[in-house]
Amino acid sequence: MHRFNPPPSWPEPPSDTWRPPPGWEPDPEWPDAPAGWGFWLNRHGRPATGPIGAYGALAAGRVEFATVDPSLVLMHS
């Protein structure tokens, strides 16, 4: 289970289990996240790539590229 990790300058999500719905974007009035900010944490509280296609997570395009060449291995936490 991945948990959304908002930057410190953003409002807290409504619950610990909240996930941005498909197509969600942060309010444009919120400050930018710090460079390299990890938007997702794994069940151990460590940075993770997040659910594919979710805001701030692994881009689906990276998965498609990896599936084109079977010699590539996609590692994901």
C-alpha atoms as a PDB file:
ATOM      1  CA  MET A   1       0.000   0.000   0.000  1.00  0.00           C
ATOM      2  CA  HIS A   2       1.385   3.382  -0.972  1.00  0.00           C
ATOM      3  CA  ARG A   3       0.644   6.517   1.024  1.00  0.00           C
ATOM      4  CA  PHE A   4       0.531   9.982  -0.527  1.00  0.00           C
ATOM      5  CA  ASN A   5       3.193  12.253   0.978  1.00  0.00           C
ATOM      6  CA  PRO A   6       2.344  15.944   0.446  1.00  0.00           C
ATOM      7  CA  PRO A   7       5.139  18.517   0.703  1.00  0.00           C
ATOM      8  CA  PRO A   8       5.338  20.348   4.040  1.00  0.00           C
ATOM      9  CA  SER A   9       3.912  23.550   2.544  1.00  0.00           C
ATOM     10  CA  TRP A  10       0.736  21.816   1.253  1.00  0.00           C
ATOM     11  CA  PRO A  11      -2.405  21.090   3.287  1.00  0.00           C
ATOM     12  CA  GLU A  12      -2.588  17.664   4.902  1.00  0.00           C
ATOM     13  CA  PRO A  13      -4.756  15.114   3.049  1.00  0.00           C
ATOM     14  CA  PRO A  14      -8.189  14.484   4.603  1.00  0.00           C
ATOM     15  CA  SER A  15      -7.056  11.037   5.868  1.00  0.00           C
ATOM     16  CA  ASP A  16      -3.980   8.788   5.954  1.00  0.00           C
ATOM     17  CA  THR A  17      -5.520   6.590   3.271  1.00  0.00           C
ATOM     18  CA  TRP A  18      -6.417   9.436   0.871  1.00  0.00           C
ATOM     19  CA  ARG A  19      -5.008   9.130  -2.634  1.00  0.00           C
ATOM     20  CA  PRO A  20      -5.251  11.741  -5.371  1.00  0.00           C
ATOM     21  CA  PRO A  21      -8.003  10.654  -7.783  1.00  0.00           C
ATOM     22  CA  PRO A  22      -7.126  10.186 -11.472  1.00  0.00           C
ATOM     23  CA  GLY A  23      -6.392  13.525 -13.107  1.00  0.00           C
ATOM     24  CA  TRP A  24      -5.928  15.329  -9.775  1.00  0.00           C
ATOM     25  CA  GLU A  25      -3.588  18.326  -9.786  1.00  0.00           C
ATOM     26  CA  PRO A  26      -2.532  20.427  -6.789  1.00  0.00           C
ATOM     27  CA  ASP A  27      -4.090  23.846  -6.319  1.00  0.00           C
ATOM     28  CA  PRO A  28      -2.040  26.286  -8.449  1.00  0.00           C
ATOM     29  CA  GLU A  29      -1.902  28.634  -5.443  1.00  0.00           C
ATOM     30  CA  TRP A  30       0.041  26.071  -3.400  1.00  0.00           C
ATOM     31  CA  PRO A  31       3.830  26.500  -3.418  1.00  0.00           C
ATOM     32  CA  ASP A  32       5.946  24.181  -5.550  1.00  0.00           C
ATOM     33  CA  ALA A  33       7.168  21.006  -3.910  1.00  0.00           C
ATOM     34  CA  PRO A  34      10.882  20.970  -3.026  1.00  0.00           C
ATOM     35  CA  ALA A  35      13.106  19.675  -5.838  1.00  0.00           C
ATOM     36  CA  GLY A  36      13.146  15.886  -5.883  1.00  0.00           C
ATOM     37  CA  TRP A  37      10.251  15.596  -3.408  1.00  0.00           C
ATOM     38  CA  GLY A  38       8.925  12.028  -3.038  1.00  0.00           C
ATOM     39  CA  PHE A  39       5.131  12.165  -3.230  1.00  0.00           C
ATOM     40  CA  TRP A  40       4.719   8.520  -2.216  1.00  0.00           C
ATOM     41  CA  LEU A  41       5.820   6.362   0.706  1.00  0.00           C
ATOM     42  CA  ASN A  42       5.667   2.578   0.940  1.00  0.00           C
ATOM     43  CA  ARG A  43       4.134   0.676   3.862  1.00  0.00           C
ATOM     44  CA  HIS A  44       7.408   1.079   5.774  1.00  0.00           C
ATOM     45  CA  GLY A  45       7.389   4.883   5.391  1.00  0.00           C
ATOM     46  CA  ARG A  46      10.216   4.854   2.859  1.00  0.00           C
ATOM     47  CA  PRO A  47      10.136   6.778  -0.445  1.00  0.00           C
ATOM     48  CA  ALA A  48       8.424   4.809  -3.214  1.00  0.00           C
ATOM     49  CA  THR A  49       7.515   5.314  -6.862  1.00  0.00           C
ATOM     50  CA  GLY A  50       3.786   5.189  -6.080  1.00  0.00           C
ATOM     51  CA  PRO A  51       0.890   3.736  -8.047  1.00  0.00           C
ATOM     52  CA  ILE A  52       1.389   3.911 -11.798  1.00  0.00           C
ATOM     53  CA  GLY A  53      -0.385   6.923 -13.267  1.00  0.00           C
ATOM     54  CA  ALA A  54      -1.080   8.619  -9.913  1.00  0.00           C
ATOM     55  CA  TYR A  55       0.029  12.209  -9.323  1.00  0.00           C
ATOM     56  CA  GLY A  56       3.762  12.336  -8.560  1.00  0.00           C
ATOM     57  CA  ALA A  57       4.196   8.590  -9.205  1.00  0.00           C
ATOM     58  CA  LEU A  58       5.915   6.473 -11.796  1.00  0.00           C
ATOM     59  CA  ALA A  59       4.838   7.618 -15.260  1.00  0.00           C
ATOM     60  CA  ALA A  60       3.015   5.011 -17.331  1.00  0.00           C
ATOM     61  CA  GLY A  61       5.258   5.890 -20.290  1.00  0.00           C
ATOM     62  CA  ARG A  62       8.246   4.466 -18.433  1.00  0.00           C
ATOM     63  CA  VAL A  63       6.438   1.156 -18.073  1.00  0.00           C
ATOM     64  CA  GLU A  64       5.484   1.080 -21.760  1.00  0.00           C
ATOM     65  CA  PHE A  65       9.112   1.708 -22.721  1.00  0.00           C
ATOM     66  CA  ALA A  66      10.279  -1.112 -20.466  1.00  0.00           C
ATOM     67  CA  THR A  67       7.787  -3.554 -21.981  1.00  0.00           C
ATOM     68  CA  VAL A  68       9.033  -2.857 -25.527  1.00  0.00           C
ATOM     69  CA  ASP A  69      12.421  -4.441 -24.829  1.00  0.00           C
ATOM     70  CA  PRO A  70      12.215  -7.659 -22.795  1.00  0.00           C
ATOM     71  CA  SER A  71      15.896  -7.331 -21.864  1.00  0.00           C
ATOM     72  CA  LEU A  72      14.973  -4.385 -19.629  1.00  0.00           C
ATOM     73  CA  VAL A  73      13.832  -5.099 -16.108  1.00  0.00           C
ATOM     74  CA  LEU A  74      11.609  -2.637 -14.269  1.00  0.00           C
ATOM     75  CA  MET A  75      12.359  -2.524 -10.549  1.00  0.00           C
ATOM     76  CA  HIS A  76       9.697  -0.916  -8.394  1.00  0.00           C
ATOM     77  CA  SER A  77       9.359  -0.597  -4.596  1.00  0.00           C
END
